[in-house]
N, C-alpha and C. Protein backbone atom coordinates (compact mmCIF):
# COMPACT_ATOMS: atom_id res chain seq x y z
N UNK A 1 52.44 161.82 43.94
CA UNK A 1 53.57 162.09 43.71
C UNK A 1 54.57 163.36 43.89
N UNK A 2 55.61 163.41 44.74
CA UNK A 2 55.90 165.47 44.62
C UNK A 2 57.43 165.27 43.18
N UNK A 3 57.56 166.13 42.37
CA UNK A 3 57.93 166.26 41.12
C UNK A 3 59.63 166.90 41.59
N UNK A 4 60.43 166.68 40.66
CA UNK A 4 61.54 167.15 41.46
C UNK A 4 62.83 167.86 40.05
N UNK A 5 62.71 168.85 40.19
CA UNK A 5 63.60 169.54 38.79
C UNK A 5 65.10 170.50 39.30
N UNK A 6 65.66 169.37 38.17
CA UNK A 6 67.28 169.94 38.45
C UNK A 6 67.75 170.17 36.97
N UNK A 7 67.74 171.91 37.81
CA UNK A 7 67.95 172.77 36.37
C UNK A 7 69.79 172.97 36.08
N UNK A 8 70.41 173.33 35.15
CA UNK A 8 71.85 172.72 34.72
C UNK A 8 72.69 172.00 35.60
N UNK A 9 71.91 171.29 34.66
CA UNK A 9 73.49 169.73 34.71
C UNK A 9 74.19 169.96 33.11
N UNK A 10 75.21 169.89 34.05
CA UNK A 10 76.23 169.84 32.90
C UNK A 10 75.98 168.60 31.83
N UNK A 11 75.57 168.46 29.92
CA UNK A 11 75.71 167.84 29.18
C UNK A 11 76.17 166.24 29.88
N UNK A 12 77.87 166.96 30.05
CA UNK A 12 78.56 165.29 30.48
C UNK A 12 77.45 164.23 31.61
N UNK A 13 76.86 165.07 32.71
CA UNK A 13 76.37 164.31 33.71
C UNK A 13 74.95 163.50 32.71
N UNK A 14 74.29 164.35 31.96
CA UNK A 14 73.39 164.18 31.80
C UNK A 14 73.25 162.53 31.45
N UNK A 15 74.30 163.42 29.84
CA UNK A 15 74.68 162.13 28.89
C UNK A 15 75.03 160.75 30.00
N UNK A 16 76.34 160.71 31.14
CA UNK A 16 76.48 159.76 31.81
C UNK A 16 75.43 159.01 32.39
N UNK A 17 74.63 159.95 33.13
CA UNK A 17 72.98 158.98 33.85
C UNK A 17 72.42 158.41 33.27
N UNK A 18 72.41 158.98 32.34
CA UNK A 18 71.09 158.28 30.58
C UNK A 18 72.10 156.28 30.18
N UNK A 19 73.62 156.25 30.52
CA UNK A 19 74.06 154.89 29.89
C UNK A 19 74.32 154.35 31.67
N UNK A 20 73.86 155.30 32.37
CA UNK A 20 74.40 154.22 33.36
C UNK A 20 73.11 153.64 34.21
N UNK A 21 72.05 154.80 33.51
CA UNK A 21 70.84 153.71 33.59
C UNK A 21 70.43 152.80 31.78
N UNK A 22 70.89 153.14 31.30
CA UNK A 22 71.02 151.93 30.52
C UNK A 22 71.49 150.57 30.72
N UNK A 23 72.95 151.01 31.41
CA UNK A 23 73.54 149.67 31.77
C UNK A 23 73.09 148.98 32.96
N UNK A 24 71.97 149.24 33.20
CA UNK A 24 70.59 148.26 34.92
C UNK A 24 69.71 148.40 34.18
N UNK A 25 68.93 148.41 32.98
CA UNK A 25 67.85 147.96 32.42
C UNK A 25 66.97 149.80 33.00
N UNK A 26 67.02 150.56 33.06
CA UNK A 26 65.75 151.31 34.11
C UNK A 26 66.53 152.74 32.83
N UNK A 27 64.87 153.39 33.93
CA UNK A 27 64.89 154.82 32.69
C UNK A 27 65.60 155.41 33.39
N UNK A 28 66.39 156.80 33.07
CA UNK A 28 66.84 157.53 32.22
C UNK A 28 66.37 158.02 33.99
N UNK A 29 64.72 158.22 34.36
CA UNK A 29 63.88 158.07 35.86
C UNK A 29 64.19 157.71 36.96
N UNK A 30 63.50 157.31 36.46
CA UNK A 30 64.36 155.14 37.35
C UNK A 30 65.25 155.40 38.66
N UNK A 31 66.13 155.69 37.28
CA UNK A 31 67.77 155.68 37.39
C UNK A 31 67.93 157.02 38.75
N UNK A 32 67.59 157.89 38.16
CA UNK A 32 67.47 159.16 39.01
C UNK A 32 67.03 158.81 40.43
N UNK A 33 65.90 158.46 40.26
CA UNK A 33 64.93 158.87 42.03
C UNK A 33 65.77 157.64 42.03
N UNK A 34 66.61 155.99 41.71
CA UNK A 34 67.22 155.01 43.11
C UNK A 34 68.87 156.04 42.62
N UNK A 35 69.31 156.67 42.98
CA UNK A 35 70.42 157.03 43.14
C UNK A 35 70.14 158.71 44.41
N UNK A 36 68.44 158.88 44.30
CA UNK A 36 68.29 160.54 44.97
C UNK A 36 67.62 159.10 46.51
N UNK A 37 67.33 157.71 46.29
CA UNK A 37 66.92 157.16 47.15
C UNK A 37 67.88 157.15 47.81
N UNK A 38 69.38 156.30 47.44
CA UNK A 38 69.97 155.73 48.10
C UNK A 38 70.89 156.78 49.10
N UNK A 39 71.18 158.02 48.25
CA UNK A 39 72.16 159.38 48.73
C UNK A 39 71.57 159.80 50.09
N UNK A 40 69.86 160.00 49.76
CA UNK A 40 69.05 159.94 51.41
C UNK A 40 69.44 158.81 52.29
N UNK A 41 69.55 157.72 52.01
CA UNK A 41 68.42 156.43 53.35
C UNK A 41 70.10 156.27 53.58
N UNK A 42 71.33 156.25 52.42
CA UNK A 42 72.90 155.56 52.81
C UNK A 42 73.14 155.93 55.34
N UNK A 43 73.73 155.66 55.27
CA UNK A 43 73.75 156.09 56.68
C UNK A 43 74.99 156.01 56.64
N UNK A 44 75.38 157.55 57.83
CA UNK A 44 77.18 156.75 57.74
C UNK A 44 77.50 156.11 58.82
N UNK A 45 78.88 155.38 58.47
CA UNK A 45 78.67 153.82 58.77
C UNK A 45 79.40 154.67 60.73
N UNK A 46 79.16 154.04 61.57
CA UNK A 46 79.84 154.77 63.31
C UNK A 46 81.16 154.15 63.20
N UNK A 47 82.07 154.25 63.88
CA UNK A 47 83.59 153.98 64.06
C UNK A 47 83.39 154.20 65.29
N UNK A 48 83.94 152.95 66.70
CA UNK A 48 84.04 152.94 67.89
C UNK A 48 85.30 153.79 68.41
N UNK A 49 85.48 153.08 69.34
CA UNK A 49 86.86 153.89 69.36
C UNK A 49 88.49 153.34 68.96
N UNK A 50 87.59 151.87 69.27
CA UNK A 50 88.52 150.92 69.22
C UNK A 50 89.05 150.89 67.13
N UNK A 51 88.09 151.48 66.85
CA UNK A 51 88.61 151.38 65.88
C UNK A 51 89.58 153.08 64.84
N UNK A 52 88.80 154.12 65.76
CA UNK A 52 89.15 155.53 65.86
C UNK A 52 90.78 155.05 65.66
N UNK A 53 91.10 154.28 67.35
CA UNK A 53 92.63 154.26 67.39
C UNK A 53 93.63 153.54 66.87
N UNK A 54 92.78 152.26 66.48
CA UNK A 54 93.58 151.69 64.85
C UNK A 54 94.41 152.18 63.79
N UNK A 55 92.46 153.00 63.89
CA UNK A 55 93.29 153.86 62.32
C UNK A 55 94.77 154.54 62.44
N UNK A 56 94.83 155.20 63.21
CA UNK A 56 95.56 156.14 63.90
C UNK A 56 96.90 156.22 62.93
N UNK A 57 97.76 156.80 62.59
CA UNK A 57 99.61 156.40 61.64
C UNK A 57 100.15 156.19 63.46
N UNK A 58 101.21 155.09 63.18
CA UNK A 58 102.56 155.27 63.63
C UNK A 58 103.39 156.26 64.50
N UNK A 59 103.76 156.73 65.42
CA UNK A 59 104.35 158.19 65.71
C UNK A 59 105.08 157.96 66.26
N UNK A 60 106.09 156.63 66.21
CA UNK A 60 107.08 156.02 66.46
C UNK A 60 107.14 155.16 67.64
N UNK A 61 108.56 154.89 68.59
CA UNK A 61 108.68 154.23 68.95
C UNK A 61 107.84 154.57 71.04
N UNK A 62 107.77 154.25 71.03
CA UNK A 62 107.09 154.29 73.43
C UNK A 62 108.19 155.16 73.00
N UNK A 63 109.42 155.02 73.46
CA UNK A 63 110.56 155.63 73.60
C UNK A 63 111.03 156.62 73.81
N UNK A 64 109.99 157.25 72.52
CA UNK A 64 110.71 158.68 72.21
C UNK A 64 109.77 159.30 73.04
N UNK A 65 108.78 158.67 73.67
CA UNK A 65 107.75 159.77 74.31
C UNK A 65 107.72 159.66 75.86
N UNK A 66 109.12 159.14 76.63
CA UNK A 66 109.82 159.06 77.45
C UNK A 66 110.40 160.22 78.23
N UNK A 67 109.58 160.87 79.64
CA UNK A 67 110.28 161.69 79.86
C UNK A 67 110.86 161.90 81.07
N UNK A 68 111.84 162.97 81.38
CA UNK A 68 112.66 162.48 82.46
C UNK A 68 112.11 163.08 83.84
N UNK A 69 112.51 161.77 84.43
CA UNK A 69 111.87 161.36 85.68
C UNK A 69 112.34 163.41 85.84
N UNK A 70 111.04 163.07 86.79
CA UNK A 70 110.70 164.70 87.91
C UNK A 70 111.39 164.73 89.26
N UNK A 71 112.35 165.29 89.26
CA UNK A 71 112.63 164.42 91.07
C UNK A 71 111.87 165.74 91.38
N UNK A 72 111.11 167.04 91.76
CA UNK A 72 111.00 168.32 92.09
C UNK A 72 111.87 169.30 92.11
N UNK A 73 111.63 170.20 92.67
CA UNK A 73 112.27 171.27 93.42
C UNK A 73 112.79 170.86 95.07
N UNK A 74 114.30 171.54 94.65
CA UNK A 74 114.61 171.24 96.19
C UNK A 74 114.58 173.09 97.13
N UNK A 75 113.86 173.11 98.46
CA UNK A 75 112.61 173.81 98.28
C UNK A 75 113.56 173.13 100.36
N UNK A 76 113.88 174.94 101.00
CA UNK A 76 114.28 174.42 102.41
C UNK A 76 113.41 175.33 102.87
N UNK A 77 113.14 175.04 104.28
CA UNK A 77 111.93 175.34 105.09
C UNK A 77 112.62 175.84 105.97
């Protein structure tokens, strides 16, 4: 099994990691392994086009985006 050494971790972070491990009844090392495993295995949620469109903010009423009717230009032949 490989080892991983992480240097220059702030003391406050080390303390919080130890407290988190204690709350879950694990050793600090086991908690670190679980955190790393979860971070690597987590897959981002894929959203479909429908979800993306539904998530867009409302930008106004449909009438705000109506264009005047284009009658074209006059030409003489």
